[in-house]
Amino acid sequence: MAYNEKLADKIREALANHDLPDIEEKKMFRGICFMVNGKMCVCASGDEMLCRIGPEYKDALEKHGVRGMIRNGKALKDFIFVSEDAMKTKKEFDSWINKALAFNKFAKATKK
C-alpha cells in the first residue's frame, strides 16, 4: 500500500515549522519516515501516521482512532498508529507531532 502523499506533505510542513536542523526522510514501515536527529520520529504509513511518543503511548491507546504497533507478533512500546479520525483538526494533528518531537529528545537511536 502506498502512503498518503498529502499526509506526508502535512508532516513535512509541520516539521519545517519547528526549524529542526537534522531531518531526513527514509522509506520504511510501508511509507515514508521522518528521522529527527538520526532517530525515527514520525511516519506517513498508508493513511495513518506512525508516531514514536514514548511511554505516553499507553494513555494514547485509549483514544479513538489510535492503535498500537505490532511487529513480528509483538506489541512495540513507544509507537502508535494514528488514524485520520484522531487527527481531523490542526490542533489534534499538531498534538501528535509535538508528542513525537518531545519524545525524540530522549529516544535512543536504533543500532545500525
Protein backbone atom coordinates (compact mmCIF):
# COMPACT_ATOMS: atom_id res chain seq x y z
CA MET A 1 0.00 0.00 0.00
CA ALA A 2 1.33 3.41 -0.92
CA TYR A 3 1.50 6.10 1.72
CA ASN A 4 -0.75 9.14 1.68
CA GLU A 5 1.24 11.92 -0.07
CA LYS A 6 -0.97 14.65 1.44
CA LEU A 7 -0.25 13.32 4.91
CA ALA A 8 3.48 13.19 4.17
CA ASP A 9 3.39 16.81 2.95
CA LYS A 10 1.48 17.84 6.06
CA ILE A 11 4.12 16.18 8.25
CA ARG A 12 6.93 17.84 6.25
CA GLU A 13 5.31 21.24 6.72
CA ALA A 14 4.76 20.68 10.45
CA LEU A 15 8.39 19.64 10.98
CA ALA A 16 9.64 22.58 8.90
CA ASN A 17 7.69 24.92 11.20
CA HIS A 18 9.77 23.65 14.11
CA ASP A 19 13.01 24.72 12.39
CA LEU A 20 14.80 21.46 13.14
CA PRO A 21 18.40 21.20 11.92
CA ASP A 22 18.58 17.47 11.19
CA ILE A 23 15.58 15.94 9.37
CA GLU A 24 15.99 13.02 6.99
CA GLU A 25 13.34 11.10 5.06
CA LYS A 26 13.60 7.32 4.71
CA LYS A 27 11.31 4.75 3.13
CA MET A 28 10.26 2.28 5.81
CA PHE A 29 7.16 0.92 7.56
CA ARG A 30 5.26 0.82 4.23
CA GLY A 31 5.69 4.55 3.90
CA ILE A 32 7.98 7.49 4.44
CA CYS A 33 9.56 8.10 7.83
CA PHE A 34 10.92 11.35 9.11
CA MET A 35 14.08 10.91 11.09
CA VAL A 36 14.92 13.73 13.51
CA ASN A 37 18.47 13.80 14.86
CA GLY A 38 19.04 10.34 13.39
CA LYS A 39 16.04 8.82 15.23
CA MET A 40 12.69 7.73 13.84
CA CYS A 41 10.13 10.32 14.89
CA VAL A 42 7.01 10.17 12.72
CA CYS A 43 5.94 8.37 9.52
CA ALA A 44 3.24 8.53 6.90
CA SER A 45 2.26 4.87 6.58
CA GLY A 46 -0.74 4.21 4.38
CA ASP A 47 -3.40 6.68 5.54
CA GLU A 48 -2.13 6.61 9.11
CA MET A 49 0.60 8.46 10.92
CA LEU A 50 3.04 6.36 12.92
CA CYS A 51 4.32 8.32 15.90
CA ARG A 52 7.07 7.44 18.35
CA ILE A 53 5.81 9.07 21.53
CA GLY A 54 7.46 7.07 24.30
CA PRO A 55 5.78 5.88 27.49
CA GLU A 56 2.80 8.12 26.77
CA TYR A 57 1.75 5.53 24.18
CA LYS A 58 -0.15 3.60 26.89
CA ASP A 59 -2.54 6.51 27.51
CA ALA A 60 -2.79 7.23 23.78
CA LEU A 61 -4.06 3.70 23.10
CA GLU A 62 -7.25 4.57 24.99
CA LYS A 63 -8.14 7.26 22.44
CA HIS A 64 -10.44 6.63 19.49
CA GLY A 65 -8.51 6.19 16.24
CA VAL A 66 -5.23 5.16 17.87
CA ARG A 67 -3.76 1.66 17.80
CA GLY A 68 -0.51 0.11 18.87
CA MET A 69 2.23 -1.09 16.57
CA ILE A 70 2.63 -4.85 16.24
CA ARG A 71 5.81 -6.23 14.72
CA ASN A 72 6.54 -9.94 14.37
CA GLY A 73 3.57 -10.65 16.64
CA LYS A 74 4.82 -8.42 19.45
CA ALA A 75 3.43 -5.06 20.54
CA LEU A 76 6.12 -2.40 20.35
CA LYS A 77 6.25 0.10 23.16
CA ASP A 78 6.62 3.80 22.36
CA PHE A 79 4.95 3.55 18.91
CA ILE A 80 1.34 4.22 17.89
CA PHE A 81 -0.60 4.49 14.66
CA VAL A 82 -2.92 7.48 14.47
CA SER A 83 -5.86 7.24 12.06
CA GLU A 84 -7.38 10.14 10.15
CA ASP A 85 -10.22 10.15 12.73
CA ALA A 86 -7.77 11.01 15.52
CA MET A 87 -6.15 13.90 13.65
CA LYS A 88 -9.05 15.64 11.92
CA THR A 89 -8.26 19.10 13.24
CA LYS A 90 -4.99 21.01 13.04
CA LYS A 91 -4.88 21.05 16.84
CA GLU A 92 -5.14 17.23 17.01
CA PHE A 93 -2.57 16.75 14.23
CA ASP A 94 -0.12 19.21 15.84
CA SER A 95 -0.58 17.50 19.19
CA TRP A 96 0.69 14.16 17.79
CA ILE A 97 3.62 15.85 16.04
CA ASN A 98 4.53 17.68 19.26
CA LYS A 99 4.37 14.45 21.31
CA ALA A 100 6.70 12.72 18.83
CA LEU A 101 9.15 15.64 18.82
CA ALA A 102 9.11 15.86 22.63
CA PHE A 103 10.00 12.17 22.96
CA ASN A 104 12.62 12.39 20.20
CA LYS A 105 14.91 14.28 22.59
CA PHE A 106 15.01 11.22 24.87
CA ALA A 107 14.65 8.40 22.33
CA LYS A 108 17.60 6.17 21.60
CA ALA A 109 18.81 5.82 18.04
CA THR A 110 18.42 2.38 16.50
CA LYS A 111 21.66 0.46 16.14
CA LYS A 112 22.82 0.24 12.55
